[in-house]
Amino acid sequence: MYDPAPTVPAWAAGVLTTKASIAAIIASTTLTTTDRDTVRRAGGRALGGEVPGN
């Protein structure tokens, strides 16, 4: 006889893991973008970035 009960915790754990993974990807993407902007501003034209005051 099929018992769906054991699959519910596994499904819930999978959902939480997926949400955590998505959150981690969003966080890493946000940090990478911020770091890239910081480097571009700090590096100026030498790093293909902005020139302060222009």
PDB file of N, CA and C in Angstrom:
ATOM      1  N   MET A   1       0.844  -1.191   0.000  1.00  0.00           N
ATOM      2  CA  MET A   1       0.000   0.000   0.000  1.00  0.00           C
ATOM      3  C   MET A   1       0.887   1.251   0.000  1.00  0.00           C
ATOM      4  N   TYR A   2       0.506   2.219  -0.801  1.00  0.00           N
ATOM      5  CA  TYR A   2       1.301   3.444  -0.935  1.00  0.00           C
ATOM      6  C   TYR A   2       1.036   4.382   0.230  1.00  0.00           C
ATOM      7  N   ASP A   3       2.093   4.863   0.840  1.00  0.00           N
ATOM      8  CA  ASP A   3       1.959   5.795   1.959  1.00  0.00           C
ATOM      9  C   ASP A   3       2.680   7.091   1.593  1.00  0.00           C
ATOM     10  N   PRO A   4       1.944   8.147   1.307  1.00  0.00           N
ATOM     11  CA  PRO A   4       2.587   9.401   0.878  1.00  0.00           C
ATOM     12  C   PRO A   4       3.253  10.174   2.010  1.00  0.00           C
ATOM     13  N   ALA A   5       2.972   9.826   3.256  1.00  0.00           N
ATOM     14  CA  ALA A   5       3.466  10.612   4.387  1.00  0.00           C
ATOM     15  C   ALA A   5       4.991  10.781   4.403  1.00  0.00           C
ATOM     16  N   PRO A   6       5.787   9.732   4.173  1.00  0.00           N
ATOM     17  CA  PRO A   6       7.245   9.928   4.236  1.00  0.00           C
ATOM     18  C   PRO A   6       7.782  10.876   3.165  1.00  0.00           C
ATOM     19  N   THR A   7       7.051  11.049   2.080  1.00  0.00           N
ATOM     20  CA  THR A   7       7.558  11.910   1.019  1.00  0.00           C
ATOM     21  C   THR A   7       7.337  13.388   1.325  1.00  0.00           C
ATOM     22  N   VAL A   8       6.414  13.693   2.222  1.00  0.00           N
ATOM     23  CA  VAL A   8       6.122  15.102   2.515  1.00  0.00           C
ATOM     24  C   VAL A   8       7.317  15.804   3.162  1.00  0.00           C
ATOM     25  N   PRO A   9       7.933  15.237   4.210  1.00  0.00           N
ATOM     26  CA  PRO A   9       9.129  15.896   4.765  1.00  0.00           C
ATOM     27  C   PRO A   9      10.251  16.030   3.747  1.00  0.00           C
ATOM     28  N   ALA A  10      10.415  15.007   2.919  1.00  0.00           N
ATOM     29  CA  ALA A  10      11.465  15.085   1.902  1.00  0.00           C
ATOM     30  C   ALA A  10      11.169  16.200   0.912  1.00  0.00           C
ATOM     31  N   TRP A  11       9.914  16.334   0.525  1.00  0.00           N
ATOM     32  CA  TRP A  11       9.519  17.401  -0.401  1.00  0.00           C
ATOM     33  C   TRP A  11       9.753  18.764   0.241  1.00  0.00           C
ATOM     34  N   ALA A  12       9.341  18.898   1.514  1.00  0.00           N
ATOM     35  CA  ALA A  12       9.515  20.170   2.220  1.00  0.00           C
ATOM     36  C   ALA A  12      10.999  20.522   2.343  1.00  0.00           C
ATOM     37  N   ALA A  13      11.821  19.524   2.642  1.00  0.00           N
ATOM     38  CA  ALA A  13      13.263  19.774   2.738  1.00  0.00           C
ATOM     39  C   ALA A  13      13.820  20.207   1.391  1.00  0.00           C
ATOM     40  N   GLY A  14      13.321  19.596   0.320  1.00  0.00           N
ATOM     41  CA  GLY A  14      13.754  19.985  -1.023  1.00  0.00           C
ATOM     42  C   GLY A  14      13.376  21.409  -1.349  1.00  0.00           C
ATOM     43  N   VAL A  15      12.173  21.805  -0.953  1.00  0.00           N
ATOM     44  CA  VAL A  15      11.726  23.180  -1.201  1.00  0.00           C
ATOM     45  C   VAL A  15      12.612  24.162  -0.440  1.00  0.00           C
ATOM     46  N   LEU A  16      12.901  23.852   0.818  1.00  0.00           N
ATOM     47  CA  LEU A  16      13.755  24.741   1.618  1.00  0.00           C
ATOM     48  C   LEU A  16      15.162  24.821   1.039  1.00  0.00           C
ATOM     49  N   THR A  17      15.677  23.688   0.590  1.00  0.00           N
ATOM     50  CA  THR A  17      17.012  23.675  -0.017  1.00  0.00           C
ATOM     51  C   THR A  17      17.033  24.514  -1.283  1.00  0.00           C
ATOM     52  N   THR A  18      15.988  24.372  -2.088  1.00  0.00           N
ATOM     53  CA  THR A  18      15.899  25.154  -3.325  1.00  0.00           C
ATOM     54  C   THR A  18      15.822  26.642  -3.013  1.00  0.00           C
ATOM     55  N   LYS A  19      15.006  27.009  -2.030  1.00  0.00           N
ATOM     56  CA  LYS A  19      14.897  28.426  -1.656  1.00  0.00           C
ATOM     57  C   LYS A  19      16.240  28.957  -1.166  1.00  0.00           C
ATOM     58  N   ALA A  20      16.950  28.152  -0.383  1.00  0.00           N
ATOM     59  CA  ALA A  20      18.260  28.576   0.117  1.00  0.00           C
ATOM     60  C   ALA A  20      19.243  28.749  -1.036  1.00  0.00           C
ATOM     61  N   SER A  21      19.184  27.839  -2.004  1.00  0.00           N
ATOM     62  CA  SER A  21      20.083  27.936  -3.156  1.00  0.00           C
ATOM     63  C   SER A  21      19.794  29.193  -3.956  1.00  0.00           C
ATOM     64  N   ILE A  22      18.504  29.472  -4.177  1.00  0.00           N
ATOM     65  CA  ILE A  22      18.121  30.669  -4.932  1.00  0.00           C
ATOM     66  C   ILE A  22      18.585  31.919  -4.190  1.00  0.00           C
ATOM     67  N   ALA A  23      18.392  31.937  -2.873  1.00  0.00           N
ATOM     68  CA  ALA A  23      18.833  33.086  -2.078  1.00  0.00           C
ATOM     69  C   ALA A  23      20.345  33.265  -2.170  1.00  0.00           C
ATOM     70  N   ALA A  24      21.083  32.157  -2.142  1.00  0.00           N
ATOM     71  CA  ALA A  24      22.544  32.234  -2.238  1.00  0.00           C
ATOM     72  C   ALA A  24      22.980  32.756  -3.600  1.00  0.00           C
ATOM     73  N   ILE A  25      22.293  32.310  -4.648  1.00  0.00           N
ATOM     74  CA  ILE A  25      22.629  32.784  -5.995  1.00  0.00           C
ATOM     75  C   ILE A  25      22.348  34.278  -6.109  1.00  0.00           C
ATOM     76  N   ILE A  26      21.199  34.710  -5.590  1.00  0.00           N
ATOM     77  CA  ILE A  26      20.855  36.135  -5.644  1.00  0.00           C
ATOM     78  C   ILE A  26      21.887  36.946  -4.865  1.00  0.00           C
ATOM     79  N   ALA A  27      22.257  36.469  -3.683  1.00  0.00           N
ATOM     80  CA  ALA A  27      23.233  37.188  -2.862  1.00  0.00           C
ATOM     81  C   ALA A  27      24.580  37.274  -3.565  1.00  0.00           C
ATOM     82  N   SER A  28      25.038  36.172  -4.145  1.00  0.00           N
ATOM     83  CA  SER A  28      26.346  36.192  -4.801  1.00  0.00           C
ATOM     84  C   SER A  28      26.323  37.079  -6.035  1.00  0.00           C
ATOM     85  N   THR A  29      25.208  37.075  -6.749  1.00  0.00           N
ATOM     86  CA  THR A  29      25.088  37.934  -7.932  1.00  0.00           C
ATOM     87  C   THR A  29      25.107  39.398  -7.517  1.00  0.00           C
ATOM     88  N   THR A  30      24.387  39.719  -6.438  1.00  0.00           N
ATOM     89  CA  THR A  30      24.344  41.096  -5.953  1.00  0.00           C
ATOM     90  C   THR A  30      25.730  41.548  -5.517  1.00  0.00           C
ATOM     91  N   LEU A  31      26.434  40.704  -4.773  1.00  0.00           N
ATOM     92  CA  LEU A  31      27.775  41.059  -4.310  1.00  0.00           C
ATOM     93  C   LEU A  31      28.728  41.222  -5.486  1.00  0.00           C
ATOM     94  N   THR A  32      28.627  40.329  -6.456  1.00  0.00           N
ATOM     95  CA  THR A  32      29.511  40.412  -7.617  1.00  0.00           C
ATOM     96  C   THR A  32      29.281  41.711  -8.369  1.00  0.00           C
ATOM     97  N   THR A  33      28.024  42.080  -8.551  1.00  0.00           N
ATOM     98  CA  THR A  33      27.700  43.318  -9.260  1.00  0.00           C
ATOM     99  C   THR A  33      28.233  44.518  -8.486  1.00  0.00           C
ATOM    100  N   THR A  34      28.044  44.510  -7.175  1.00  0.00           N
ATOM    101  CA  THR A  34      28.526  45.613  -6.342  1.00  0.00           C
ATOM    102  C   THR A  34      30.045  45.711  -6.414  1.00  0.00           C
ATOM    103  N   ASP A  35      30.722  44.570  -6.305  1.00  0.00           N
ATOM    104  CA  ASP A  35      32.184  44.571  -6.377  1.00  0.00           C
ATOM    105  C   ASP A  35      32.660  45.085  -7.730  1.00  0.00           C
ATOM    106  N   ARG A  36      31.993  44.660  -8.791  1.00  0.00           N
ATOM    107  CA  ARG A  36      32.385  45.082 -10.133  1.00  0.00           C
ATOM    108  C   ARG A  36      32.229  46.601 -10.260  1.00  0.00           C
ATOM    109  N   ASP A  37      31.132  47.132  -9.730  1.00  0.00           N
ATOM    110  CA  ASP A  37      30.921  48.580  -9.788  1.00  0.00           C
ATOM    111  C   ASP A  37      31.995  49.308  -8.992  1.00  0.00           C
ATOM    112  N   THR A  38      32.331  48.769  -7.830  1.00  0.00           N
ATOM    113  CA  THR A  38      33.352  49.393  -6.988  1.00  0.00           C
ATOM    114  C   THR A  38      34.699  49.404  -7.696  1.00  0.00           C
ATOM    115  N   VAL A  39      35.057  48.282  -8.296  1.00  0.00           N
ATOM    116  CA  VAL A  39      36.334  48.201  -9.014  1.00  0.00           C
ATOM    117  C   VAL A  39      36.336  49.160 -10.195  1.00  0.00           C
ATOM    118  N   ARG A  40      35.213  49.240 -10.894  1.00  0.00           N
ATOM    119  CA  ARG A  40      35.139  50.116 -12.065  1.00  0.00           C
ATOM    120  C   ARG A  40      35.325  51.577 -11.640  1.00  0.00           C
ATOM    121  N   ARG A  41      34.694  51.955 -10.533  1.00  0.00           N
ATOM    122  CA  ARG A  41      34.830  53.341 -10.064  1.00  0.00           C
ATOM    123  C   ARG A  41      36.250  53.606  -9.564  1.00  0.00           C
ATOM    124  N   ALA A  42      36.782  52.639  -8.804  1.00  0.00           N
ATOM    125  CA  ALA A  42      38.104  52.846  -8.207  1.00  0.00           C
ATOM    126  C   ALA A  42      39.207  52.778  -9.252  1.00  0.00           C
ATOM    127  N   GLY A  43      39.052  51.908 -10.246  1.00  0.00           N
ATOM    128  CA  GLY A  43      40.103  51.689 -11.223  1.00  0.00           C
ATOM    129  C   GLY A  43      40.157  52.732 -12.310  1.00  0.00           C
ATOM    130  N   GLY A  44      39.061  53.445 -12.493  1.00  0.00           N
ATOM    131  CA  GLY A  44      39.036  54.457 -13.537  1.00  0.00           C
ATOM    132  C   GLY A  44      39.197  53.860 -14.920  1.00  0.00           C
ATOM    133  N   ARG A  45      39.794  54.602 -15.809  1.00  0.00           N
ATOM    134  CA  ARG A  45      39.888  54.205 -17.210  1.00  0.00           C
ATOM    135  C   ARG A  45      40.780  52.979 -17.403  1.00  0.00           C
ATOM    136  N   ALA A  46      41.761  52.777 -16.532  1.00  0.00           N
ATOM    137  CA  ALA A  46      42.683  51.648 -16.676  1.00  0.00           C
ATOM    138  C   ALA A  46      41.959  50.308 -16.622  1.00  0.00           C
ATOM    139  N   LEU A  47      40.867  50.239 -15.876  1.00  0.00           N
ATOM    140  CA  LEU A  47      40.106  48.995 -15.766  1.00  0.00           C
ATOM    141  C   LEU A  47      38.823  49.067 -16.586  1.00  0.00           C
ATOM    142  N   GLY A  48      38.770  49.970 -17.522  1.00  0.00           N
ATOM    143  CA  GLY A  48      37.582  50.084 -18.355  1.00  0.00           C
ATOM    144  C   GLY A  48      36.417  50.717 -17.635  1.00  0.00           C
ATOM    145  N   GLY A  49      36.724  51.488 -16.625  1.00  0.00           N
ATOM    146  CA  GLY A  49      35.656  52.049 -15.809  1.00  0.00           C
ATOM    147  C   GLY A  49      35.448  53.527 -16.033  1.00  0.00           C
ATOM    148  N   GLU A  50      34.867  54.116 -15.033  1.00  0.00           N
ATOM    149  CA  GLU A  50      34.513  55.526 -15.114  1.00  0.00           C
ATOM    150  C   GLU A  50      35.713  56.387 -14.718  1.00  0.00           C
ATOM    151  N   VAL A  51      35.725  57.586 -15.224  1.00  0.00           N
ATOM    152  CA  VAL A  51      36.738  58.546 -14.813  1.00  0.00           C
ATOM    153  C   VAL A  51      36.058  59.530 -13.868  1.00  0.00           C
ATOM    154  N   PRO A  52      36.545  59.644 -12.633  1.00  0.00           N
ATOM    155  CA  PRO A  52      35.906  60.551 -11.674  1.00  0.00           C
ATOM    156  C   PRO A  52      35.843  61.977 -12.206  1.00  0.00           C
ATOM    157  N   GLY A  53      34.696  62.588 -12.015  1.00  0.00           N
ATOM    158  CA  GLY A  53      34.520  63.978 -12.431  1.00  0.00           C
ATOM    159  C   GLY A  53      33.998  64.136 -13.839  1.00  0.00           C
ATOM    160  N   ASN A  54      33.877  63.057 -14.580  1.00  0.00           N
ATOM    161  CA  ASN A  54      33.363  63.162 -15.953  1.00  0.00           C
ATOM    162  C   ASN A  54      31.937  62.697 -16.018  1.00  0.00           C
TER     163      ASN A  54
END
